[in-house]
C-alpha cells in the first residue's frame, strides 16, 4: 500500500472517530472541539510506536475519556460519583493497579482515571500477572499521558512518585503514596506493592463512601 493511500485510510478512520464522539457529545461540545481533542489524543499516543497497531482504537478511548473530563470540569455534565485520578511516572504499574483496584472495589461507583508524567510503551508484564492472580485483569489498560483536563475533572488526585509533574489546582484533595517502581522488582516485590496499594484503596474507598469532603 502506498504511503498516500495509507494516510488516506488513517484520515478516514480518524474522521469516523470524530463523528462517533461528536454524536455522543452532541449538545455538549461542537464537532470542531471534538475533532481537536481527537487529533491531540492521536498525536500524543502516536509518539509510542508500540501501540501503533491499535492506535485508532486507543485514540477513541483516550479522547472519550478526555471529553468526559472536560464536560465534568466545565459543568456541562453533572455526576454525583466522585472522580479519582492516579498518576505515576510511566502509567505502566502503580497507577494502573490503583485505578483497577478502586474500580473493582467500588463496583464502578467511583469514576477512576490514571495517567503518567512520562508514559511508557505498555503495562509491565509482572504487573499484569499479579493483577490477573487476584481476578482484576488489566487487559484493556494502556499507558496514557497526563493531560490538564483529567486533573481539572478530578476530586482526588493520588500521585505515586511523579514528583512535581502533576499540575496543582486549589480546592482538590491531593494524596501522595510513596511506593517503589514495580519495574525494578521481582514478582514477589510486585505482589507486595499490589497488596500495599490495595490497603490504600480500601482506606480511600471508606472515606469516599462516608461522604468526606473531597474538595
N, C-alpha and C. Protein backbone atom coordinates (compact mmCIF):
# COMPACT_ATOMS: atom_id res chain seq x y z
N UNK A 1 0.85 -1.20 0.00
CA UNK A 1 0.00 0.00 0.00
C UNK A 1 0.88 1.25 0.00
N UNK A 2 0.58 2.20 -0.87
CA UNK A 2 1.39 3.40 -0.93
C UNK A 2 1.19 4.23 0.33
N UNK A 3 2.18 5.09 0.58
CA UNK A 3 2.10 5.94 1.77
C UNK A 3 0.90 6.87 1.69
N UNK A 4 0.62 7.40 0.50
CA UNK A 4 -0.54 8.29 0.35
C UNK A 4 -1.84 7.56 0.65
N UNK A 5 -1.94 6.32 0.16
CA UNK A 5 -3.14 5.54 0.39
C UNK A 5 -3.31 5.23 1.88
N UNK A 6 -2.20 4.92 2.56
CA UNK A 6 -2.25 4.63 3.98
C UNK A 6 -2.70 5.87 4.77
N UNK A 7 -2.20 7.02 4.37
CA UNK A 7 -2.58 8.26 5.05
C UNK A 7 -4.06 8.56 4.84
N UNK A 8 -4.55 8.27 3.64
CA UNK A 8 -5.97 8.49 3.36
C UNK A 8 -6.85 7.60 4.24
N UNK A 9 -6.46 6.35 4.38
CA UNK A 9 -7.21 5.41 5.20
C UNK A 9 -7.19 5.83 6.66
N UNK A 10 -6.04 6.29 7.12
CA UNK A 10 -5.91 6.73 8.50
C UNK A 10 -6.76 7.97 8.76
N UNK A 11 -6.75 8.90 7.82
CA UNK A 11 -7.55 10.11 7.95
C UNK A 11 -9.04 9.78 7.98
N UNK A 12 -9.45 8.82 7.14
CA UNK A 12 -10.86 8.41 7.11
C UNK A 12 -11.25 7.76 8.43
N UNK A 13 -10.35 6.97 8.99
CA UNK A 13 -10.63 6.32 10.27
C UNK A 13 -10.74 7.35 11.39
N UNK A 14 -9.86 8.33 11.38
CA UNK A 14 -9.94 9.40 12.38
C UNK A 14 -11.25 10.18 12.24
N UNK A 15 -11.69 10.40 11.03
CA UNK A 15 -12.95 11.09 10.80
C UNK A 15 -14.11 10.30 11.40
N UNK A 16 -14.06 8.98 11.27
CA UNK A 16 -15.11 8.15 11.88
C UNK A 16 -15.10 8.26 13.39
N UNK A 17 -13.91 8.33 13.99
CA UNK A 17 -13.81 8.52 15.44
C UNK A 17 -14.43 9.85 15.84
N UNK A 18 -14.09 10.90 15.09
CA UNK A 18 -14.66 12.22 15.38
C UNK A 18 -16.18 12.18 15.25
N UNK A 19 -16.68 11.56 14.20
CA UNK A 19 -18.14 11.50 14.00
C UNK A 19 -18.82 10.79 15.16
N UNK A 20 -18.26 9.67 15.60
CA UNK A 20 -18.86 8.91 16.70
C UNK A 20 -18.88 9.72 17.99
N UNK A 21 -17.76 10.38 18.30
CA UNK A 21 -17.68 11.15 19.54
C UNK A 21 -18.52 12.42 19.45
N UNK A 22 -18.58 13.03 18.28
CA UNK A 22 -19.42 14.22 18.12
C UNK A 22 -20.88 13.87 18.34
N UNK A 23 -21.29 12.69 17.91
CA UNK A 23 -22.65 12.23 18.14
C UNK A 23 -22.89 12.00 19.63
N UNK A 24 -21.92 11.37 20.30
CA UNK A 24 -22.05 11.09 21.73
C UNK A 24 -22.13 12.37 22.56
N UNK A 25 -21.44 13.41 22.11
CA UNK A 25 -21.38 14.66 22.87
C UNK A 25 -22.14 15.79 22.19
N UNK A 26 -23.12 15.42 21.36
CA UNK A 26 -23.95 16.43 20.70
C UNK A 26 -24.67 17.27 21.76
N UNK A 27 -24.60 18.57 21.59
CA UNK A 27 -25.21 19.47 22.55
C UNK A 27 -24.30 19.82 23.72
N UNK A 28 -23.15 19.15 23.79
CA UNK A 28 -22.17 19.42 24.85
C UNK A 28 -20.94 20.11 24.26
N UNK A 29 -20.38 19.51 23.19
CA UNK A 29 -19.23 20.09 22.52
C UNK A 29 -19.51 20.19 21.02
N UNK A 30 -18.95 21.19 20.39
CA UNK A 30 -19.07 21.31 18.94
C UNK A 30 -18.22 20.23 18.27
N UNK A 31 -18.53 19.96 17.01
CA UNK A 31 -17.74 18.96 16.29
C UNK A 31 -16.29 19.41 16.18
N UNK A 32 -16.08 20.71 16.02
CA UNK A 32 -14.71 21.23 15.92
C UNK A 32 -13.93 20.96 17.20
N UNK A 33 -14.58 21.14 18.36
CA UNK A 33 -13.90 20.88 19.63
C UNK A 33 -13.57 19.41 19.78
N UNK A 34 -14.50 18.56 19.39
CA UNK A 34 -14.26 17.12 19.45
C UNK A 34 -13.10 16.74 18.54
N UNK A 35 -13.09 17.28 17.33
CA UNK A 35 -12.03 16.97 16.37
C UNK A 35 -10.66 17.38 16.91
N UNK A 36 -10.61 18.50 17.61
CA UNK A 36 -9.34 18.96 18.17
C UNK A 36 -8.84 17.99 19.24
N UNK A 37 -9.73 17.54 20.12
CA UNK A 37 -9.34 16.60 21.17
C UNK A 37 -8.90 15.28 20.56
N UNK A 38 -9.61 14.81 19.54
CA UNK A 38 -9.24 13.56 18.88
C UNK A 38 -7.85 13.67 18.25
N UNK A 39 -7.59 14.75 17.55
CA UNK A 39 -6.28 14.90 16.90
C UNK A 39 -5.17 15.01 17.94
N UNK A 40 -5.40 15.76 19.01
CA UNK A 40 -4.40 15.88 20.08
C UNK A 40 -4.14 14.52 20.71
N UNK A 41 -5.21 13.77 20.96
CA UNK A 41 -5.07 12.45 21.58
C UNK A 41 -4.30 11.51 20.67
N UNK A 42 -4.61 11.55 19.38
CA UNK A 42 -3.90 10.72 18.40
C UNK A 42 -2.41 11.06 18.39
N UNK A 43 -2.10 12.34 18.36
CA UNK A 43 -0.70 12.76 18.29
C UNK A 43 0.07 12.34 19.54
N UNK A 44 -0.56 12.46 20.71
CA UNK A 44 0.10 12.07 21.96
C UNK A 44 0.39 10.58 21.99
N UNK A 45 -0.58 9.78 21.57
CA UNK A 45 -0.39 8.33 21.60
C UNK A 45 0.54 7.85 20.48
N UNK A 46 0.56 8.56 19.37
CA UNK A 46 1.39 8.15 18.23
C UNK A 46 2.88 8.23 18.54
N UNK A 47 3.24 8.97 19.58
CA UNK A 47 4.64 9.03 19.97
C UNK A 47 5.16 7.70 20.47
N UNK A 48 4.23 6.80 20.86
CA UNK A 48 4.60 5.48 21.35
C UNK A 48 4.37 4.46 20.25
N UNK A 49 5.41 4.03 19.60
CA UNK A 49 5.27 3.16 18.43
C UNK A 49 4.65 1.82 18.78
N UNK A 50 4.79 1.36 20.03
CA UNK A 50 4.31 0.03 20.37
C UNK A 50 2.79 -0.07 20.35
N UNK A 51 2.09 1.05 20.40
CA UNK A 51 0.62 1.00 20.37
C UNK A 51 0.09 1.24 18.97
N UNK A 52 0.96 1.34 17.97
CA UNK A 52 0.51 1.81 16.66
C UNK A 52 -0.53 0.87 16.04
N UNK A 53 -0.40 -0.43 16.29
CA UNK A 53 -1.35 -1.35 15.71
C UNK A 53 -2.77 -1.15 16.20
N UNK A 54 -2.90 -0.57 17.39
CA UNK A 54 -4.21 -0.32 17.98
C UNK A 54 -4.44 1.18 18.17
N UNK A 55 -3.71 1.97 17.42
CA UNK A 55 -3.67 3.40 17.68
C UNK A 55 -5.04 4.06 17.57
N UNK A 56 -5.82 3.70 16.57
CA UNK A 56 -7.11 4.35 16.38
C UNK A 56 -8.10 3.95 17.47
N UNK A 57 -8.06 2.68 17.87
CA UNK A 57 -8.93 2.23 18.97
C UNK A 57 -8.58 2.96 20.27
N UNK A 58 -7.29 3.04 20.56
CA UNK A 58 -6.85 3.71 21.79
C UNK A 58 -7.10 5.21 21.72
N UNK A 59 -6.98 5.79 20.53
CA UNK A 59 -7.27 7.21 20.37
C UNK A 59 -8.72 7.50 20.73
N UNK A 60 -9.64 6.65 20.26
CA UNK A 60 -11.05 6.85 20.58
C UNK A 60 -11.29 6.77 22.07
N UNK A 61 -10.68 5.81 22.74
CA UNK A 61 -10.87 5.65 24.18
C UNK A 61 -10.26 6.80 24.96
N UNK A 62 -9.05 7.21 24.55
CA UNK A 62 -8.37 8.31 25.23
C UNK A 62 -9.13 9.62 25.03
N UNK A 63 -9.56 9.88 23.80
CA UNK A 63 -10.30 11.11 23.52
C UNK A 63 -11.64 11.14 24.26
N UNK A 64 -12.32 10.00 24.32
CA UNK A 64 -13.60 9.93 25.04
C UNK A 64 -13.39 10.25 26.53
N UNK A 65 -12.32 9.71 27.09
CA UNK A 65 -12.02 9.96 28.49
C UNK A 65 -11.74 11.45 28.73
N UNK A 66 -11.00 12.07 27.83
CA UNK A 66 -10.69 13.49 27.98
C UNK A 66 -11.93 14.36 27.79
N UNK A 67 -12.79 14.00 26.86
CA UNK A 67 -14.02 14.77 26.67
C UNK A 67 -14.94 14.65 27.89
N UNK A 68 -14.99 13.46 28.46
CA UNK A 68 -15.77 13.27 29.68
C UNK A 68 -15.22 14.15 30.80
N UNK A 69 -13.90 14.21 30.90
CA UNK A 69 -13.27 15.04 31.93
C UNK A 69 -13.56 16.52 31.70
N UNK A 70 -13.48 16.95 30.46
CA UNK A 70 -13.76 18.36 30.16
C UNK A 70 -15.22 18.71 30.46
N UNK A 71 -16.12 17.80 30.13
CA UNK A 71 -17.53 18.06 30.40
C UNK A 71 -17.78 18.20 31.89
N UNK A 72 -17.09 17.37 32.69
CA UNK A 72 -17.24 17.44 34.15
C UNK A 72 -16.65 18.74 34.68
N UNK A 73 -15.43 19.07 34.29
CA UNK A 73 -14.76 20.24 34.86
C UNK A 73 -15.42 21.55 34.45
N UNK A 74 -16.07 21.55 33.28
CA UNK A 74 -16.74 22.76 32.80
C UNK A 74 -18.21 22.83 33.23
N UNK A 75 -18.65 21.85 33.99
CA UNK A 75 -20.03 21.84 34.46
C UNK A 75 -21.05 21.57 33.38
N UNK A 76 -20.62 20.94 32.27
CA UNK A 76 -21.53 20.65 31.17
C UNK A 76 -22.27 19.34 31.36
N UNK A 77 -21.70 18.47 32.19
CA UNK A 77 -22.37 17.25 32.59
C UNK A 77 -22.18 17.07 34.08
N UNK A 78 -23.25 16.81 34.78
CA UNK A 78 -23.20 16.69 36.23
C UNK A 78 -23.22 15.21 36.61
N UNK A 79 -22.30 14.84 37.48
CA UNK A 79 -22.28 13.48 38.01
C UNK A 79 -22.10 13.54 39.51
N UNK A 80 -22.76 12.63 40.20
CA UNK A 80 -22.65 12.58 41.66
C UNK A 80 -21.51 11.66 42.10
N UNK A 81 -20.97 10.90 41.18
CA UNK A 81 -19.90 9.97 41.54
C UNK A 81 -18.58 10.71 41.72
N UNK A 82 -17.83 10.40 42.78
CA UNK A 82 -16.50 11.02 42.92
C UNK A 82 -15.57 10.57 41.81
N UNK A 83 -14.62 11.42 41.46
CA UNK A 83 -13.67 11.11 40.39
C UNK A 83 -12.25 11.14 40.97
N UNK A 84 -11.52 10.06 40.75
CA UNK A 84 -10.18 9.91 41.32
C UNK A 84 -9.19 9.67 40.18
N UNK A 85 -8.09 10.38 40.23
CA UNK A 85 -7.02 10.25 39.23
C UNK A 85 -5.77 9.74 39.91
N UNK A 86 -5.17 8.69 39.35
CA UNK A 86 -3.91 8.13 39.85
C UNK A 86 -2.81 8.45 38.84
N UNK A 87 -1.69 8.97 39.36
CA UNK A 87 -0.58 9.36 38.48
C UNK A 87 0.72 8.74 38.99
N UNK A 88 1.45 8.09 38.09
CA UNK A 88 2.83 7.72 38.37
C UNK A 88 3.66 8.14 37.15
N UNK A 89 4.89 7.74 37.10
CA UNK A 89 5.75 8.22 36.03
C UNK A 89 5.37 7.58 34.69
N UNK A 90 5.35 6.25 34.64
CA UNK A 90 5.18 5.53 33.37
C UNK A 90 3.74 5.13 33.09
N UNK A 91 2.86 5.21 34.09
CA UNK A 91 1.48 4.73 33.95
C UNK A 91 1.48 3.29 33.44
N UNK A 92 2.45 2.53 33.92
CA UNK A 92 2.60 1.14 33.47
C UNK A 92 2.58 0.17 34.65
N UNK A 93 2.40 0.70 35.88
CA UNK A 93 2.44 -0.17 37.04
C UNK A 93 1.55 0.31 38.17
N UNK A 94 2.10 1.16 39.03
CA UNK A 94 1.40 1.57 40.25
C UNK A 94 0.06 2.22 39.98
N UNK A 95 0.03 3.21 39.12
CA UNK A 95 -1.23 3.93 38.88
C UNK A 95 -2.26 3.04 38.20
N UNK A 96 -1.80 2.11 37.35
CA UNK A 96 -2.72 1.19 36.70
C UNK A 96 -3.33 0.22 37.71
N UNK A 97 -2.51 -0.30 38.61
CA UNK A 97 -3.02 -1.18 39.65
C UNK A 97 -4.02 -0.47 40.53
N UNK A 98 -3.69 0.75 40.93
CA UNK A 98 -4.58 1.51 41.81
C UNK A 98 -5.91 1.80 41.14
N UNK A 99 -5.88 2.22 39.88
CA UNK A 99 -7.12 2.53 39.17
C UNK A 99 -8.00 1.29 39.04
N UNK A 100 -7.38 0.16 38.68
CA UNK A 100 -8.16 -1.07 38.51
C UNK A 100 -8.74 -1.54 39.83
N UNK A 101 -7.96 -1.43 40.89
CA UNK A 101 -8.44 -1.88 42.20
C UNK A 101 -9.57 -1.01 42.73
N UNK A 102 -9.46 0.31 42.55
CA UNK A 102 -10.53 1.17 43.02
C UNK A 102 -11.81 0.95 42.23
N UNK A 103 -11.67 0.79 40.92
CA UNK A 103 -12.86 0.50 40.11
C UNK A 103 -13.49 -0.82 40.56
N UNK A 104 -12.67 -1.81 40.82
CA UNK A 104 -13.16 -3.13 41.25
C UNK A 104 -13.80 -3.05 42.63
N UNK A 105 -13.11 -2.45 43.58
CA UNK A 105 -13.62 -2.40 44.96
C UNK A 105 -14.88 -1.55 45.07
N UNK A 106 -15.02 -0.54 44.23
CA UNK A 106 -16.18 0.34 44.31
C UNK A 106 -17.35 -0.16 43.47
N UNK A 107 -17.11 -1.22 42.70
CA UNK A 107 -18.15 -1.70 41.80
C UNK A 107 -18.51 -0.70 40.72
N UNK A 108 -17.54 0.15 40.36
CA UNK A 108 -17.77 1.17 39.34
C UNK A 108 -18.43 2.43 39.86
N UNK A 109 -18.64 2.52 41.17
CA UNK A 109 -19.30 3.70 41.74
C UNK A 109 -18.38 4.91 41.80
N UNK A 110 -17.08 4.69 41.66
CA UNK A 110 -16.11 5.78 41.60
C UNK A 110 -15.58 5.85 40.18
N UNK A 111 -15.59 7.05 39.60
CA UNK A 111 -15.04 7.24 38.26
C UNK A 111 -13.53 7.37 38.40
N UNK A 112 -12.83 6.43 37.79
CA UNK A 112 -11.39 6.31 38.00
C UNK A 112 -10.63 6.57 36.71
N UNK A 113 -9.53 7.31 36.81
CA UNK A 113 -8.63 7.52 35.68
C UNK A 113 -7.20 7.32 36.16
N UNK A 114 -6.30 7.09 35.20
CA UNK A 114 -4.87 7.03 35.52
C UNK A 114 -4.10 7.66 34.37
N UNK A 115 -2.88 8.11 34.68
CA UNK A 115 -2.05 8.76 33.68
C UNK A 115 -0.60 8.71 34.13
N UNK A 116 0.31 9.02 33.20
CA UNK A 116 1.73 9.04 33.51
C UNK A 116 2.38 10.35 33.13
N UNK A 117 3.30 10.81 33.95
CA UNK A 117 4.03 12.04 33.62
C UNK A 117 4.99 11.80 32.46
N UNK A 118 5.49 10.57 32.33
CA UNK A 118 6.31 10.15 31.18
C UNK A 118 5.85 8.74 30.80
N UNK A 119 4.69 8.62 30.15
CA UNK A 119 4.09 7.30 29.96
C UNK A 119 4.97 6.34 29.17
N UNK A 120 4.91 5.07 29.58
CA UNK A 120 5.69 4.05 28.91
C UNK A 120 4.99 3.50 27.68
N UNK A 121 5.55 2.45 27.13
CA UNK A 121 5.01 1.85 25.91
C UNK A 121 3.87 0.88 26.20
N UNK A 122 3.95 0.17 27.34
CA UNK A 122 2.96 -0.85 27.65
C UNK A 122 2.95 -1.13 29.14
N UNK A 123 1.90 -1.81 29.62
CA UNK A 123 1.81 -2.19 31.01
C UNK A 123 2.89 -3.24 31.31
N UNK A 124 3.57 -3.07 32.45
CA UNK A 124 4.63 -4.01 32.82
C UNK A 124 4.06 -5.42 32.94
N UNK A 125 4.76 -6.41 32.38
CA UNK A 125 4.20 -7.77 32.31
C UNK A 125 3.98 -8.39 33.68
N UNK A 126 4.84 -8.09 34.66
CA UNK A 126 4.64 -8.64 36.00
C UNK A 126 3.45 -7.98 36.69
N UNK A 127 3.22 -6.72 36.40
CA UNK A 127 2.04 -6.05 36.93
C UNK A 127 0.77 -6.71 36.39
N UNK A 128 0.77 -6.98 35.10
CA UNK A 128 -0.38 -7.69 34.52
C UNK A 128 -0.57 -9.05 35.19
N UNK A 129 0.52 -9.74 35.43
CA UNK A 129 0.43 -11.08 36.01
C UNK A 129 -0.14 -11.05 37.42
N UNK A 130 0.37 -10.15 38.28
CA UNK A 130 -0.09 -10.16 39.68
C UNK A 130 -1.52 -9.65 39.80
N UNK A 131 -1.96 -8.81 38.88
CA UNK A 131 -3.35 -8.37 38.91
C UNK A 131 -4.29 -9.47 38.44
N UNK A 132 -3.86 -10.22 37.45
CA UNK A 132 -4.67 -11.36 36.98
C UNK A 132 -4.81 -12.40 38.08
N UNK A 133 -3.80 -12.53 38.93
CA UNK A 133 -3.83 -13.50 40.03
C UNK A 133 -4.99 -13.26 40.98
N UNK A 134 -5.41 -12.00 41.13
CA UNK A 134 -6.49 -11.69 42.07
C UNK A 134 -7.80 -11.39 41.35
N UNK A 135 -7.85 -11.72 40.08
CA UNK A 135 -9.09 -11.56 39.33
C UNK A 135 -9.41 -10.14 38.93
N UNK A 136 -8.38 -9.29 38.83
CA UNK A 136 -8.58 -7.91 38.38
C UNK A 136 -7.63 -7.67 37.20
N UNK A 137 -7.93 -8.23 36.04
CA UNK A 137 -7.01 -8.15 34.91
C UNK A 137 -6.92 -6.74 34.34
N UNK A 138 -5.78 -6.47 33.71
CA UNK A 138 -5.55 -5.16 33.08
C UNK A 138 -5.58 -5.29 31.56
N UNK A 139 -6.47 -6.13 31.06
CA UNK A 139 -6.47 -6.45 29.64
C UNK A 139 -6.77 -5.25 28.75
N UNK A 140 -7.54 -4.29 29.23
CA UNK A 140 -7.89 -3.13 28.40
C UNK A 140 -7.11 -1.88 28.78
N UNK A 141 -6.22 -1.99 29.75
CA UNK A 141 -5.47 -0.82 30.21
C UNK A 141 -4.32 -0.52 29.25
N UNK A 142 -3.97 0.75 29.15
CA UNK A 142 -2.81 1.15 28.35
C UNK A 142 -2.28 2.46 28.91
N UNK A 143 -0.95 2.69 28.83
CA UNK A 143 -0.37 3.92 29.36
C UNK A 143 -0.90 5.15 28.62
N UNK A 144 -1.22 6.17 29.39
CA UNK A 144 -1.76 7.41 28.82
C UNK A 144 -0.98 8.59 29.37
N UNK A 145 -0.74 9.60 28.54
CA UNK A 145 -0.06 10.80 29.03
C UNK A 145 -0.96 11.62 29.94
N UNK A 146 -0.35 12.31 30.86
CA UNK A 146 -1.08 13.19 31.77
C UNK A 146 -1.50 14.45 31.03
N UNK A 147 -2.79 14.75 31.06
CA UNK A 147 -3.30 15.96 30.43
C UNK A 147 -4.02 16.81 31.47
N UNK A 148 -4.04 18.09 31.21
CA UNK A 148 -4.60 19.04 32.17
C UNK A 148 -6.08 18.77 32.43
N UNK A 149 -6.82 18.33 31.40
CA UNK A 149 -8.27 18.18 31.57
C UNK A 149 -8.63 17.11 32.59
N UNK A 150 -7.87 16.00 32.66
CA UNK A 150 -8.22 14.95 33.61
C UNK A 150 -7.91 15.37 35.04
N UNK A 151 -6.91 16.24 35.21
CA UNK A 151 -6.63 16.76 36.55
C UNK A 151 -7.76 17.70 37.00
N UNK A 152 -8.17 18.57 36.12
CA UNK A 152 -9.24 19.52 36.44
C UNK A 152 -10.54 18.80 36.84
N UNK A 153 -10.81 17.66 36.22
CA UNK A 153 -12.06 16.95 36.47
C UNK A 153 -12.05 16.13 37.75
N UNK A 154 -10.89 15.94 38.35
CA UNK A 154 -10.76 15.01 39.47
C UNK A 154 -11.09 15.67 40.80
N UNK A 155 -11.73 14.90 41.66
CA UNK A 155 -11.96 15.34 43.04
C UNK A 155 -10.76 14.99 43.91
N UNK A 156 -10.17 13.83 43.64
CA UNK A 156 -9.00 13.38 44.39
C UNK A 156 -7.91 13.02 43.39
N UNK A 157 -6.69 13.51 43.63
CA UNK A 157 -5.54 13.20 42.78
C UNK A 157 -4.51 12.49 43.64
N UNK A 158 -4.18 11.26 43.25
CA UNK A 158 -3.21 10.46 44.00
C UNK A 158 -1.94 10.33 43.17
N UNK A 159 -0.84 10.80 43.70
CA UNK A 159 0.44 10.72 43.00
C UNK A 159 1.28 9.61 43.60
N UNK A 160 2.11 8.99 42.76
CA UNK A 160 2.97 7.89 43.19
C UNK A 160 4.32 8.03 42.53
N UNK A 161 5.12 8.91 43.05
CA UNK A 161 6.48 9.01 42.56
C UNK A 161 6.68 9.88 41.34
N UNK A 162 5.71 10.74 41.02
CA UNK A 162 5.90 11.57 39.82
C UNK A 162 6.38 12.98 40.16
N UNK A 163 6.70 13.22 41.41
CA UNK A 163 7.29 14.50 41.79
C UNK A 163 6.39 15.68 41.53
N UNK A 164 6.96 16.71 40.91
CA UNK A 164 6.22 17.95 40.66
C UNK A 164 5.56 17.97 39.29
N UNK A 165 5.47 16.83 38.61
CA UNK A 165 4.93 16.81 37.25
C UNK A 165 3.43 17.08 37.23
N UNK A 166 2.74 16.81 38.31
CA UNK A 166 1.29 16.97 38.34
C UNK A 166 0.91 18.42 38.58
N UNK A 167 0.08 19.01 37.72
CA UNK A 167 -0.38 20.38 37.96
C UNK A 167 -1.23 20.46 39.21
N UNK A 168 -1.13 21.58 39.90
CA UNK A 168 -1.85 21.75 41.17
C UNK A 168 -2.98 22.74 40.98
N UNK A 169 -4.16 22.35 41.45
CA UNK A 169 -5.32 23.24 41.44
C UNK A 169 -5.88 23.33 42.85
N UNK A 170 -6.02 24.54 43.38
CA UNK A 170 -6.58 24.69 44.72
C UNK A 170 -7.97 24.08 44.80
N UNK A 171 -8.30 23.54 45.97
CA UNK A 171 -9.63 23.00 46.20
C UNK A 171 -9.75 21.52 45.92
N UNK A 172 -8.69 20.90 45.38
CA UNK A 172 -8.71 19.46 45.16
C UNK A 172 -7.97 18.76 46.30
N UNK A 173 -8.33 17.52 46.52
CA UNK A 173 -7.64 16.72 47.53
C UNK A 173 -6.48 15.99 46.86
N UNK A 174 -5.28 16.22 47.34
CA UNK A 174 -4.09 15.56 46.81
C UNK A 174 -3.53 14.60 47.85
N UNK A 175 -3.22 13.40 47.39
CA UNK A 175 -2.59 12.39 48.23
C UNK A 175 -1.32 11.91 47.54
N UNK A 176 -0.31 11.59 48.33
CA UNK A 176 0.92 11.04 47.76
C UNK A 176 1.22 9.72 48.43
N UNK A 177 1.22 8.65 47.63
CA UNK A 177 1.54 7.32 48.15
C UNK A 177 2.96 6.98 47.74
N UNK A 178 3.82 6.85 48.72
CA UNK A 178 5.25 6.61 48.47
C UNK A 178 5.48 5.12 48.27
N UNK A 179 5.54 4.72 47.01
CA UNK A 179 5.67 3.31 46.66
C UNK A 179 6.78 3.14 45.63
N UNK A 180 7.57 2.07 45.74
CA UNK A 180 8.65 1.85 44.75
C UNK A 180 8.08 1.49 43.39
N UNK A 181 8.90 1.66 42.36
CA UNK A 181 8.51 1.32 41.00
C UNK A 181 8.57 -0.19 40.81
N UNK A 182 7.46 -0.83 40.47
CA UNK A 182 7.48 -2.29 40.30
C UNK A 182 8.35 -2.77 39.16
N UNK A 183 8.68 -1.90 38.22
CA UNK A 183 9.52 -2.31 37.09
C UNK A 183 10.91 -2.73 37.54
N UNK A 184 11.31 -2.32 38.74
CA UNK A 184 12.64 -2.62 39.24
C UNK A 184 12.66 -3.82 40.19
N UNK A 185 11.53 -4.54 40.33
CA UNK A 185 11.41 -5.56 41.35
C UNK A 185 11.05 -6.93 40.76
N UNK A 186 11.40 -8.00 41.48
CA UNK A 186 10.93 -9.34 41.08
C UNK A 186 9.45 -9.48 41.41
N UNK A 187 8.86 -10.58 41.00
CA UNK A 187 7.41 -10.72 41.14
C UNK A 187 6.95 -10.65 42.59
N UNK A 188 7.76 -11.15 43.53
CA UNK A 188 7.35 -11.08 44.94
C UNK A 188 7.22 -9.62 45.38
N UNK A 189 8.12 -8.78 44.91
CA UNK A 189 8.04 -7.36 45.25
C UNK A 189 6.85 -6.68 44.61
N UNK A 190 6.52 -7.09 43.38
CA UNK A 190 5.36 -6.51 42.69
C UNK A 190 4.07 -6.91 43.42
N UNK A 191 4.02 -8.14 43.89
CA UNK A 191 2.85 -8.57 44.67
C UNK A 191 2.72 -7.74 45.95
N UNK A 192 3.85 -7.47 46.59
CA UNK A 192 3.81 -6.67 47.83
C UNK A 192 3.30 -5.26 47.55
N UNK A 193 3.73 -4.67 46.43
CA UNK A 193 3.23 -3.35 46.07
C UNK A 193 1.74 -3.39 45.77
N UNK A 194 1.31 -4.42 45.04
CA UNK A 194 -0.12 -4.58 44.77
C UNK A 194 -0.92 -4.62 46.06
N UNK A 195 -0.45 -5.38 47.03
CA UNK A 195 -1.19 -5.53 48.29
C UNK A 195 -1.17 -4.23 49.08
N UNK A 196 -0.06 -3.51 49.03
CA UNK A 196 0.01 -2.22 49.73
C UNK A 196 -0.94 -1.21 49.08
N UNK A 197 -0.98 -1.19 47.76
CA UNK A 197 -1.91 -0.31 47.06
C UNK A 197 -3.34 -0.67 47.42
N UNK A 198 -3.63 -1.96 47.50
CA UNK A 198 -4.99 -2.39 47.84
C UNK A 198 -5.39 -1.90 49.22
N UNK A 199 -4.45 -1.90 50.16
CA UNK A 199 -4.75 -1.38 51.50
C UNK A 199 -5.08 0.11 51.43
N UNK A 200 -4.31 0.85 50.66
CA UNK A 200 -4.60 2.28 50.48
C UNK A 200 -5.97 2.47 49.83
N UNK A 201 -6.26 1.64 48.83
CA UNK A 201 -7.53 1.76 48.11
C UNK A 201 -8.71 1.52 49.04
N UNK A 202 -8.62 0.52 49.88
CA UNK A 202 -9.71 0.23 50.80
C UNK A 202 -9.94 1.40 51.76
N UNK A 203 -8.86 2.01 52.23
CA UNK A 203 -8.98 3.17 53.12
C UNK A 203 -9.61 4.35 52.39
N UNK A 204 -9.15 4.60 51.16
CA UNK A 204 -9.70 5.71 50.39
C UNK A 204 -11.17 5.48 50.08
N UNK A 205 -11.52 4.27 49.73
CA UNK A 205 -12.92 3.97 49.40
C UNK A 205 -13.81 4.15 50.62
N UNK A 206 -13.34 3.78 51.80
CA UNK A 206 -14.11 4.00 53.03
C UNK A 206 -14.39 5.48 53.23
N UNK A 207 -13.38 6.31 52.97
CA UNK A 207 -13.56 7.76 53.11
C UNK A 207 -14.54 8.29 52.07
N UNK A 208 -14.40 7.81 50.84
CA UNK A 208 -15.32 8.26 49.79
C UNK A 208 -16.75 7.85 50.09
N UNK A 209 -16.94 6.65 50.59
CA UNK A 209 -18.28 6.16 50.88
C UNK A 209 -18.89 6.84 52.10
N UNK A 210 -18.03 7.35 52.98
CA UNK A 210 -18.55 8.05 54.16
C UNK A 210 -18.90 9.49 53.87
N UNK A 211 -18.65 9.90 52.63
CA UNK A 211 -19.04 11.25 52.23
C UNK A 211 -18.11 12.33 52.74
N UNK A 212 -16.82 11.99 52.90
CA UNK A 212 -15.89 13.00 53.38
C UNK A 212 -15.73 14.11 52.34
N UNK A 213 -15.41 15.33 52.76
CA UNK A 213 -15.28 16.43 51.81
C UNK A 213 -14.05 16.28 50.95
N UNK A 214 -14.25 15.92 49.69
CA UNK A 214 -13.11 15.68 48.81
C UNK A 214 -12.49 16.97 48.33
N UNK A 215 -13.21 18.09 48.42
CA UNK A 215 -12.63 19.37 47.95
C UNK A 215 -11.94 20.06 49.10
